[in-house]
C-alpha atoms as a PDB file:
ATOM      1  CA  MET A   1     115.821  45.477  19.754  1.00  0.00           C
ATOM      2  CA  ILE A   2     117.579  42.244  20.664  1.00  0.00           C
ATOM      3  CA  PRO A   3     117.830  39.833  17.703  1.00  0.00           C
ATOM      4  CA  SER A   4     116.610  36.302  18.244  1.00  0.00           C
ATOM      5  CA  LEU A   5     116.188  33.203  16.125  1.00  0.00           C
ATOM      6  CA  SER A   6     112.802  32.471  14.648  1.00  0.00           C
ATOM      7  CA  PRO A   7     111.293  29.237  13.304  1.00  0.00           C
ATOM      8  CA  ASN A   8     111.653  30.635   9.775  1.00  0.00           C
ATOM      9  CA  PRO A   9     115.346  30.682   8.621  1.00  0.00           C
ATOM     10  CA  ILE A  10     114.460  32.883   5.641  1.00  0.00           C
ATOM     11  CA  ASP A  11     113.272  35.612   8.026  1.00  0.00           C
ATOM     12  CA  ASP A  12     116.508  35.235  10.002  1.00  0.00           C
ATOM     13  CA  VAL A  13     118.622  35.748   6.866  1.00  0.00           C
ATOM     14  CA  ARG A  14     116.572  38.804   5.930  1.00  0.00           C
ATOM     15  CA  ALA A  15     117.102  40.161   9.417  1.00  0.00           C
ATOM     16  CA  LEU A  16     120.860  39.892   8.967  1.00  0.00           C
ATOM     17  CA  PHE A  17     120.706  42.281   6.019  1.00  0.00           C
ATOM     18  CA  THR A  18     119.106  44.940   8.189  1.00  0.00           C
ATOM     19  CA  TYR A  19     122.455  45.446   9.955  1.00  0.00           C
ATOM     20  CA  PRO A  20     124.946  47.640   8.016  1.00  0.00           C
ATOM     21  CA  PHE A  21     128.010  45.836   9.420  1.00  0.00           C
ATOM     22  CA  MET A  22     126.710  42.504   8.105  1.00  0.00           C
ATOM     23  CA  VAL A  23     126.092  43.988   4.665  1.00  0.00           C
ATOM     24  CA  ASN A  24     129.614  45.432   4.629  1.00  0.00           C
ATOM     25  CA  ALA A  25     131.100  42.091   5.710  1.00  0.00           C
ATOM     26  CA  LEU A  26     129.254  40.161   3.015  1.00  0.00           C
ATOM     27  CA  GLU A  27     130.245  42.665   0.314  1.00  0.00           C
ATOM     28  CA  ALA A  28     133.902  42.656   1.393  1.00  0.00           C
ATOM     29  CA  GLY A  29     133.967  38.861   1.651  1.00  0.00           C
ATOM     30  CA  THR A  30     132.541  38.461  -1.835  1.00  0.00           C
ATOM     31  CA  ILE A  31     135.112  40.841  -3.338  1.00  0.00           C
ATOM     32  CA  VAL A  32     137.994  39.101  -1.523  1.00  0.00           C
ATOM     33  CA  ALA A  33     136.788  35.648  -2.623  1.00  0.00           C
ATOM     34  CA  VAL A  34     136.701  36.658  -6.288  1.00  0.00           C
ATOM     35  CA  LEU A  35     140.099  38.398  -6.196  1.00  0.00           C
ATOM     36  CA  ALA A  36     141.731  35.573  -4.203  1.00  0.00           C
ATOM     37  CA  GLY A  37     140.579  33.030  -6.758  1.00  0.00           C
ATOM     38  CA  VAL A  38     142.235  34.983  -9.580  1.00  0.00           C
ATOM     39  CA  VAL A  39     145.386  36.247  -7.821  1.00  0.00           C
ATOM     40  CA  GLY A  40     145.909  33.012  -5.890  1.00  0.00           C
ATOM     41  CA  TRP A  41     146.281  31.059  -9.127  1.00  0.00           C
ATOM     42  CA  TYR A  42     149.291  33.170 -10.118  1.00  0.00           C
ATOM     43  CA  VAL A  43     150.733  33.101  -6.581  1.00  0.00           C
ATOM     44  CA  VAL A  44     150.732  29.295  -6.545  1.00  0.00           C
ATOM     45  CA  LEU A  45     152.261  29.085 -10.028  1.00  0.00           C
ATOM     46  CA  ARG A  46     155.074  31.461  -8.976  1.00  0.00           C
ATOM     47  CA  ARG A  47     155.549  29.509  -5.718  1.00  0.00           C
ATOM     48  CA  GLN A  48     155.160  32.641  -3.599  1.00  0.00           C
ATOM     49  CA  THR A  49     152.485  31.380  -1.216  1.00  0.00           C
ATOM     50  CA  PHE A  50     154.685  31.854   1.852  1.00  0.00           C
ATOM     51  CA  ALA A  51     155.545  35.417   0.860  1.00  0.00           C
ATOM     52  CA  SER A  52     151.870  36.281   0.352  1.00  0.00           C
ATOM     53  CA  HIS A  53     151.013  34.664   3.688  1.00  0.00           C
ATOM     54  CA  THR A  54     153.666  36.802   5.386  1.00  0.00           C
ATOM     55  CA  LEU A  55     152.165  39.967   3.930  1.00  0.00           C
ATOM     56  CA  SER A  56     148.670  39.009   5.060  1.00  0.00           C
ATOM     57  CA  VAL A  57     149.910  38.287   8.585  1.00  0.00           C
ATOM     58  CA  MET A  58     151.673  41.667   8.722  1.00  0.00           C
ATOM     59  CA  ALA A  59     148.636  43.529   7.337  1.00  0.00           C
ATOM     60  CA  PHE A  60     146.399  42.771  10.341  1.00  0.00           C
ATOM     61  CA  PRO A  61     148.625  44.335  13.048  1.00  0.00           C
ATOM     62  CA  GLY A  62     149.273  47.241  10.693  1.00  0.00           C
ATOM     63  CA  ALA A  63     145.556  47.942  10.353  1.00  0.00           C
ATOM     64  CA  THR A  64     145.036  47.490  14.110  1.00  0.00           C
ATOM     65  CA  GLY A  65     147.830  49.918  14.918  1.00  0.00           C
ATOM     66  CA  ALA A  66     146.439  52.473  12.508  1.00  0.00           C
ATOM     67  CA  ALA A  67     142.967  52.188  14.059  1.00  0.00           C
ATOM     68  CA  LEU A  68     144.386  52.671  17.563  1.00  0.00           C
ATOM     69  CA  ALA A  69     146.267  55.748  16.350  1.00  0.00           C
ATOM     70  CA  GLY A  70     143.152  57.176  14.766  1.00  0.00           C
ATOM     71  CA  LEU A  71     144.494  56.734  11.230  1.00  0.00           C
ATOM     72  CA  PRO A  72     142.787  55.063   8.257  1.00  0.00           C
ATOM     73  CA  THR A  73     143.093  51.288   8.482  1.00  0.00           C
ATOM     74  CA  ALA A  74     143.992  51.128   4.762  1.00  0.00           C
ATOM     75  CA  LEU A  75     147.076  53.228   5.527  1.00  0.00           C
ATOM     76  CA  GLY A  76     148.080  50.703   8.190  1.00  0.00           C
ATOM     77  CA  TYR A  77     147.689  47.855   5.687  1.00  0.00           C
ATOM     78  CA  TYR A  78     149.904  49.497   3.092  1.00  0.00           C
ATOM     79  CA  VAL A  79     152.612  50.616   5.529  1.00  0.00           C
ATOM     80  CA  ALA A  80     152.889  47.217   7.264  1.00  0.00           C
ATOM     81  CA  CYS A  81     152.950  45.253   3.987  1.00  0.00           C
ATOM     82  CA  THR A  82     155.532  47.588   2.459  1.00  0.00           C
ATOM     83  CA  VAL A  83     157.803  47.318   5.502  1.00  0.00           C
ATOM     84  CA  ALA A  84     157.494  43.505   5.480  1.00  0.00           C
ATOM     85  CA  ALA A  85     158.323  43.310   1.764  1.00  0.00           C
ATOM     86  CA  LEU A  86     161.317  45.665   2.019  1.00  0.00           C
ATOM     87  CA  THR A  87     162.826  44.148   5.171  1.00  0.00           C
ATOM     88  CA  ALA A  88     162.593  40.472   4.151  1.00  0.00           C
ATOM     89  CA  SER A  89     166.254  39.477   4.250  1.00  0.00           C
ATOM     90  CA  SER A  90     166.514  35.748   4.950  1.00  0.00           C
ATOM     91  CA  PHE A  91     165.208  32.359   3.854  1.00  0.00           C
ATOM     92  CA  GLU A  92     165.615  28.706   4.781  1.00  0.00           C
ATOM     93  CA  VAL A  93     167.267  26.013   2.670  1.00  0.00           C
ATOM     94  CA  GLN A  94     167.520  22.264   3.127  1.00  0.00           C
ATOM     95  CA  ASN A  95     171.215  21.455   2.911  1.00  0.00           C
ATOM     96  CA  PRO A  96     172.062  17.755   2.325  1.00  0.00           C
ATOM     97  CA  ARG A  97     174.992  17.909   4.756  1.00  0.00           C
ATOM     98  CA  ASN A  98     173.846  20.341   7.448  1.00  0.00           C
ATOM     99  CA  GLY A  99     170.062  20.013   7.309  1.00  0.00           C
ATOM    100  CA  GLN A 100     168.027  23.221   7.618  1.00  0.00           C
ATOM    101  CA  VAL A 101     170.232  26.262   7.006  1.00  0.00           C
ATOM    102  CA  THR A 102     169.309  29.941   7.343  1.00  0.00           C
ATOM    103  CA  VAL A 103     170.664  32.205   4.601  1.00  0.00           C
ATOM    104  CA  THR A 104     170.636  35.971   5.098  1.00  0.00           C
ATOM    105  CA  PHE A 105     171.242  38.579   2.427  1.00  0.00           C
ATOM    106  CA  THR A 106     171.839  42.322   2.322  1.00  0.00           C
ATOM    107  CA  PRO A 107     171.360  45.044  -0.306  1.00  0.00           C
ATOM    108  CA  SER A 108     174.925  44.334  -1.484  1.00  0.00           C
ATOM    109  CA  THR A 109     174.244  40.616  -2.118  1.00  0.00           C
ATOM    110  CA  SER A 110     174.319  39.781  -5.818  1.00  0.00           C
ATOM    111  CA  PHE A 111     171.647  37.465  -7.240  1.00  0.00           C
ATOM    112  CA  THR A 112     171.707  35.442 -10.458  1.00  0.00           C
ATOM    113  CA  HIS A 113     168.962  33.253 -11.909  1.00  0.00           C
ATOM    114  CA  THR A 114     169.603  30.295 -14.221  1.00  0.00           C
ATOM    115  CA  VAL A 115     167.247  30.295 -17.220  1.00  0.00           C
ATOM    116  CA  PRO A 116     167.104  28.286 -20.485  1.00  0.00           C
ATOM    117  CA  ALA A 117     169.355  29.532 -23.295  1.00  0.00           C
ATOM    118  CA  THR A 118     170.529  28.650 -26.809  1.00  0.00           C
ATOM    119  CA  ALA A 119     173.812  28.664 -28.715  1.00  0.00           C
ATOM    120  CA  VAL A 120     173.041  32.250 -29.750  1.00  0.00           C
ATOM    121  CA  ASP A 121     173.718  33.288 -26.131  1.00  0.00           C
ATOM    122  CA  LEU A 122     177.394  32.253 -26.416  1.00  0.00           C
ATOM    123  CA  VAL A 123     179.350  35.520 -26.321  1.00  0.00           C
ATOM    124  CA  VAL A 124     183.113  36.009 -26.397  1.00  0.00           C
ATOM    125  CA  GLY A 125     184.272  37.188 -22.978  1.00  0.00           C
ATOM    126  CA  ASP A 126     181.561  35.431 -20.979  1.00  0.00           C
ATOM    127  CA  CYS A 127     182.261  32.379 -18.842  1.00  0.00           C
ATOM    128  CA  ALA A 128     180.979  28.886 -19.575  1.00  0.00           C
ATOM    129  CA  LEU A 129     180.905  25.477 -17.953  1.00  0.00           C
ATOM    130  CA  ALA A 130     180.597  22.635 -20.501  1.00  0.00           C
ATOM    131  CA  THR A 131     179.875  19.111 -19.298  1.00  0.00           C
ATOM    132  CA  GLY A 132     179.934  16.139 -21.608  1.00  0.00           C
ATOM    133  CA  ALA A 133     182.045  13.383 -23.070  1.00  0.00           C
ATOM    134  CA  ALA A 134     185.772  13.774 -23.519  1.00  0.00           C
ATOM    135  CA  ALA A 135     187.420  12.725 -26.759  1.00  0.00           C
ATOM    136  CA  ALA A 136     187.365   8.976 -27.439  1.00  0.00           C
ATOM    137  CA  THR A 137     191.089   9.019 -28.138  1.00  0.00           C
ATOM    138  CA  PRO A 138     192.865  11.153 -25.546  1.00  0.00           C
ATOM    139  CA  ARG A 139     195.453  13.582 -26.829  1.00  0.00           C
ATOM    140  CA  PRO A 140     199.079  13.034 -25.822  1.00  0.00           C
ATOM    141  CA  ALA A 141     200.120  14.783 -22.660  1.00  0.00           C
ATOM    142  CA  VAL A 142     201.146  18.389 -23.284  1.00  0.00           C
ATOM    143  CA  PRO A 143     202.526  21.081 -20.990  1.00  0.00           C
ATOM    144  CA  THR A 144     199.830  23.013 -19.180  1.00  0.00           C
ATOM    145  CA  GLY A 145     199.514  26.756 -19.391  1.00  0.00           C
ATOM    146  CA  PRO A 146     197.409  29.460 -20.990  1.00  0.00           C
ATOM    147  CA  GLY A 147     198.615  28.508 -24.461  1.00  0.00           C
ATOM    148  CA  ALA A 148     198.468  24.731 -24.096  1.00  0.00           C
ATOM    149  CA  ALA A 149     195.718  22.653 -25.722  1.00  0.00           C
ATOM    150  CA  ALA A 150     193.734  20.086 -23.727  1.00  0.00           C
ATOM    151  CA  ASP A 151     191.386  17.324 -24.911  1.00  0.00           C
ATOM    152  CA  PRO A 152     188.297  18.577 -26.775  1.00  0.00           C
ATOM    153  CA  VAL A 153     184.870  18.024 -25.215  1.00  0.00           C
ATOM    154  CA  THR A 154     181.567  17.202 -26.893  1.00  0.00           C
ATOM    155  CA  ALA A 155     179.128  19.062 -24.682  1.00  0.00           C
ATOM    156  CA  VAL A 156     175.956  17.532 -23.325  1.00  0.00           C
ATOM    157  CA  SER A 157     175.144  20.712 -21.394  1.00  0.00           C
ATOM    158  CA  VAL A 158     176.565  24.231 -21.322  1.00  0.00           C
ATOM    159  CA  MET A 159     176.029  26.842 -18.632  1.00  0.00           C
ATOM    160  CA  ILE A 160     176.838  30.465 -19.488  1.00  0.00           C
ATOM    161  CA  THR A 161     177.470  33.108 -16.845  1.00  0.00           C
ATOM    162  CA  PRO A 162     178.728  36.717 -17.012  1.00  0.00           C
ATOM    163  CA  VAL A 163     182.261  37.498 -15.913  1.00  0.00           C
ATOM    164  CA  SER A 164     182.682  38.771 -12.368  1.00  0.00           C
ATOM    165  CA  ALA A 165     183.487  42.349 -11.456  1.00  0.00           C
ATOM    166  CA  GLY A 166     187.206  41.544 -11.570  1.00  0.00           C
ATOM    167  CA  ASN A 167     186.913  40.463 -15.225  1.00  0.00           C
ATOM    168  CA  GLY A 168     187.282  36.823 -14.239  1.00  0.00           C
ATOM    169  CA  CYS A 169     185.079  33.757 -14.131  1.00  0.00           C
ATOM    170  CA  PRO A 170     183.342  32.828 -10.833  1.00  0.00           C
ATOM    171  CA  ALA A 171     185.814  30.999  -8.651  1.00  0.00           C
ATOM    172  CA  GLY A 172     183.130  28.830  -7.078  1.00  0.00           C
ATOM    173  CA  GLY A 173     182.321  26.877 -10.225  1.00  0.00           C
ATOM    174  CA  PHE A 174     185.334  27.353 -12.509  1.00  0.00           C
ATOM    175  CA  GLY A 175     188.160  25.631 -10.732  1.00  0.00           C
ATOM    176  CA  GLY A 176     188.525  28.197  -7.950  1.00  0.00           C
ATOM    177  CA  PRO A 177     189.272  27.572  -4.281  1.00  0.00           C
ATOM    178  CA  GLY A 178     187.438  24.638  -2.860  1.00  0.00           C
ATOM    179  CA  GLN A 179     187.027  22.967  -6.266  1.00  0.00           C
ATOM    180  CA  GLU A 180     189.013  19.875  -7.093  1.00  0.00           C
ATOM    181  CA  ALA A 181     190.367  19.992 -10.641  1.00  0.00           C
ATOM    182  CA  ARG A 182     189.631  16.962 -12.794  1.00  0.00           C
ATOM    183  CA  PRO A 183     192.299  15.999 -15.355  1.00  0.00           C
ATOM    184  CA  ALA A 184     191.218  16.407 -18.954  1.00  0.00           C
ATOM    185  CA  GLY A 185     189.880  13.339 -20.709  1.00  0.00           C
ATOM    186  CA  GLN A 186     188.718  11.361 -17.701  1.00  0.00           C
ATOM    187  CA  GLY A 187     185.651   9.926 -19.380  1.00  0.00           C
ATOM    188  CA  ARG A 188     182.111  11.121 -19.619  1.00  0.00           C
ATOM    189  CA  GLY A 189     181.245  14.079 -17.461  1.00  0.00           C
ATOM    190  CA  ALA A 190     184.701  15.684 -17.557  1.00  0.00           C
ATOM    191  CA  PRO A 191     183.992  19.443 -17.366  1.00  0.00           C
ATOM    192  CA  ALA A 192     185.533  22.304 -19.278  1.00  0.00           C
ATOM    193  CA  ALA A 193     185.247  25.655 -17.546  1.00  0.00           C
ATOM    194  CA  GLY A 194     186.676  29.038 -18.360  1.00  0.00           C
ATOM    195  CA  LYS A 195     186.244  32.179 -20.445  1.00  0.00           C
ATOM    196  CA  ILE A 196     184.907  31.959 -24.005  1.00  0.00           C
ATOM    197  CA  SER A 197     187.655  33.079 -26.382  1.00  0.00           C
ATOM    198  CA  SER A 198     185.916  32.328 -29.705  1.00  0.00           C
ATOM    199  CA  VAL A 199     182.590  31.037 -31.038  1.00  0.00           C
ATOM    200  CA  SER A 200     181.865  29.074 -34.220  1.00  0.00           C
ATOM    201  CA  GLY A 201     178.924  27.281 -35.778  1.00  0.00           C
ATOM    202  CA  SER A 202     180.016  23.947 -34.291  1.00  0.00           C
ATOM    203  CA  GLY A 203     180.991  25.085 -30.811  1.00  0.00           C
ATOM    204  CA  PHE A 204     183.351  27.412 -29.002  1.00  0.00           C
ATOM    205  CA  VAL A 205     186.805  27.618 -27.435  1.00  0.00           C
ATOM    206  CA  LEU A 206     187.393  28.070 -23.722  1.00  0.00           C
ATOM    207  CA  GLN A 207     190.455  29.641 -22.130  1.00  0.00           C
ATOM    208  CA  THR A 208     190.862  27.814 -18.818  1.00  0.00           C
ATOM    209  CA  PRO A 209     193.438  28.609 -16.130  1.00  0.00           C
ATOM    210  CA  ASP A 210     195.597  25.687 -17.321  1.00  0.00           C
ATOM    211  CA  ALA A 211     194.924  25.266 -21.040  1.00  0.00           C
ATOM    212  CA  THR A 212     192.771  26.014 -24.073  1.00  0.00           C
ATOM    213  CA  ARG A 213     189.857  23.637 -24.657  1.00  0.00           C
ATOM    214  CA  THR A 214     187.680  23.218 -27.720  1.00  0.00           C
ATOM    215  CA  VAL A 215     184.017  22.489 -26.971  1.00  0.00           C
ATOM    216  CA  THR A 216     181.830  20.955 -29.674  1.00  0.00           C
ATOM    217  CA  THR A 217     178.054  21.417 -29.440  1.00  0.00           C
ATOM    218  CA  THR A 218     175.324  19.402 -31.159  1.00  0.00           C
ATOM    219  CA  GLN A 219     171.570  19.682 -31.581  1.00  0.00           C
ATOM    220  CA  ALA A 220     171.208  17.603 -28.416  1.00  0.00           C
ATOM    221  CA  THR A 221     173.285  20.017 -26.311  1.00  0.00           C
ATOM    222  CA  THR A 222     171.235  21.883 -23.705  1.00  0.00           C
ATOM    223  CA  PHE A 223     172.108  25.489 -22.828  1.00  0.00           C
ATOM    224  CA  SER A 224     171.376  27.582 -19.781  1.00  0.00           C
ATOM    225  CA  LYS A 225     172.585  30.984 -18.669  1.00  0.00           C
ATOM    226  CA  ASP A 226     172.754  33.099 -15.541  1.00  0.00           C
ATOM    227  CA  ILE A 227     171.048  36.477 -15.604  1.00  0.00           C
ATOM    228  CA  PRO A 228     171.176  39.174 -12.906  1.00  0.00           C
ATOM    229  CA  THR A 229     168.097  39.329 -10.687  1.00  0.00           C
ATOM    230  CA  ASP A 230     167.109  40.221  -7.127  1.00  0.00           C
ATOM    231  CA  HIS A 231     165.588  38.486  -4.105  1.00  0.00           C
ATOM    232  CA  SER A 232     162.110  38.608  -5.652  1.00  0.00           C
ATOM    233  CA  ALA A 233     163.158  35.637  -7.822  1.00  0.00           C
ATOM    234  CA  LEU A 234     163.403  33.400  -4.734  1.00  0.00           C
ATOM    235  CA  ALA A 235     160.624  30.817  -4.570  1.00  0.00           C
ATOM    236  CA  VAL A 236     159.935  27.671  -2.572  1.00  0.00           C
ATOM    237  CA  GLY A 237     161.159  24.533  -4.354  1.00  0.00           C
ATOM    238  CA  GLN A 238     164.009  26.186  -6.235  1.00  0.00           C
ATOM    239  CA  CYS A 239     167.686  25.396  -5.731  1.00  0.00           C
ATOM    240  CA  VAL A 240     170.090  28.025  -4.464  1.00  0.00           C
ATOM    241  CA  SER A 241     173.857  28.254  -4.083  1.00  0.00           C
ATOM    242  CA  ALA A 242     174.650  30.813  -1.404  1.00  0.00           C
ATOM    243  CA  ILE A 243     178.285  31.870  -1.174  1.00  0.00           C
ATOM    244  CA  GLY A 244     179.468  33.562   2.002  1.00  0.00           C
ATOM    245  CA  PRO A 245     180.778  33.038   5.537  1.00  0.00           C
ATOM    246  CA  SER A 246     178.785  31.175   8.183  1.00  0.00           C
ATOM    247  CA  ASP A 247     178.580  31.923  11.907  1.00  0.00           C
ATOM    248  CA  ASP A 248     178.549  29.604  14.926  1.00  0.00           C
ATOM    249  CA  THR A 249     174.874  28.791  14.407  1.00  0.00           C
ATOM    250  CA  GLY A 250     175.434  27.782  10.785  1.00  0.00           C
ATOM    251  CA  THR A 251     173.677  30.851   9.355  1.00  0.00           C
ATOM    252  CA  VAL A 252     175.231  31.868   6.032  1.00  0.00           C
ATOM    253  CA  THR A 253     175.603  35.578   5.265  1.00  0.00           C
ATOM    254  CA  ALA A 254     175.533  35.484   1.489  1.00  0.00           C
ATOM    255  CA  SER A 255     177.651  37.719  -0.699  1.00  0.00           C
ATOM    256  CA  SER A 256     176.202  36.058  -3.804  1.00  0.00           C
ATOM    257  CA  ILE A 257     173.213  33.791  -4.411  1.00  0.00           C
ATOM    258  CA  SER A 258     172.597  31.695  -7.525  1.00  0.00           C
ATOM    259  CA  ILE A 259     169.027  30.502  -8.161  1.00  0.00           C
ATOM    260  CA  ARG A 260     168.129  27.637 -10.506  1.00  0.00           C
ATOM    261  CA  PRO A 261     165.240  25.220 -11.018  1.00  0.00           C
ATOM    262  CA  ALA A 262     165.369  21.814  -9.355  1.00  0.00           C
ATOM    263  CA  GLY A 263     166.361  18.928 -11.636  1.00  0.00           C
ATOM    264  CA  LEU A 264     165.060  15.382 -11.805  1.00  0.00           C
ATOM    265  CA  GLN A 265     167.334  14.439  -8.905  1.00  0.00           C
ATOM    266  CA  GLY A 266     166.643  17.559  -6.884  1.00  0.00           C
ATOM    267  CA  CYS A 267     169.308  20.139  -6.133  1.00  0.00           C
ATOM    268  CA  GLN A 268     172.558  18.639  -7.378  1.00  0.00           C
ATOM    269  CA  GLY A 269     175.417  20.288  -9.191  1.00  0.00           C
ATOM    270  CA  GLY A 270     175.620  24.003  -9.808  1.00  0.00           C
ATOM    271  CA  PHE A 271     178.162  26.460  -8.484  1.00  0.00           C
ATOM    272  CA  GLY A 272     179.326  26.531  -4.918  1.00  0.00           C
ATOM    273  CA  GLY A 273     182.385  27.863  -3.202  1.00  0.00           C
ATOM    274  CA  PRO A 274     184.215  27.982   0.106  1.00  0.00           C
ATOM    275  CA  GLY A 275     181.857  28.775   2.924  1.00  0.00           C
ATOM    276  CA  GLY A 276     178.897  28.416   0.618  1.00  0.00           C
ATOM    277  CA  SER A 277     175.623  26.579   1.048  1.00  0.00           C
ATOM    278  CA  ARG A 278     173.991  24.636  -1.783  1.00  0.00           C
ATOM    279  CA  ALA A 279     170.530  23.324  -1.061  1.00  0.00           C
ATOM    280  CA  GLN A 280     166.891  23.200  -1.997  1.00  0.00           C
ATOM    281  CA  ARG A 281     164.714  25.987  -0.750  1.00  0.00           C
END
């Protein structure tokens, strides 16, 4: 029997339901529509729409390959999506100096994610970067060195990060190579960076490479901290600092990647180092 249109559209719709493949398509489409409405809400909130799109694109050839091989199409879906999720090893960032930059990572790349914190998260031995206002009356010049005292800082913001594997603070953001040191007491915004040597109710003391600095915190001081994570924390719209060498094409092979939310002025500040890329994803 060859189907044909009739003057009555209701009869045509009823005729559609006489074909098993149309019934299966309508049932599957209804289930997908309901699930997509629920799951899609979370995907958009987590800014993982591109990742989910990649998995859906990979699922189709996986199912097709399984069908050609005489295997269940569901097996092809799962295998293709799993391979795509496990082999994702690069992303694009918008660098203010170099434009679009490709960043690749490997299983040995370390990831950190900046999250909100409080003064309770200040721990002796961790590293901190305090930004704020230097003392109104600068201290007299004193010799620099591990035991010397520099001007105190009233912190507007404090970032806490774990010490590196070598028991030191990250070179990229704590006065390491590629960072220009700023003399203590040069007005608002003068940073204090180093290892926390003591914590009190009114602040903490930092041991910097050149001196000891006292940091005072107030109720208005904002805190953030870096926590270990993996590449699943990457999301479109976040800011990343990728540290590693770059090749002739500008692609950065990251040894470490720091992820943080974008601020009011976009992706500014944060930790970067020699050969690193700091940009908005």
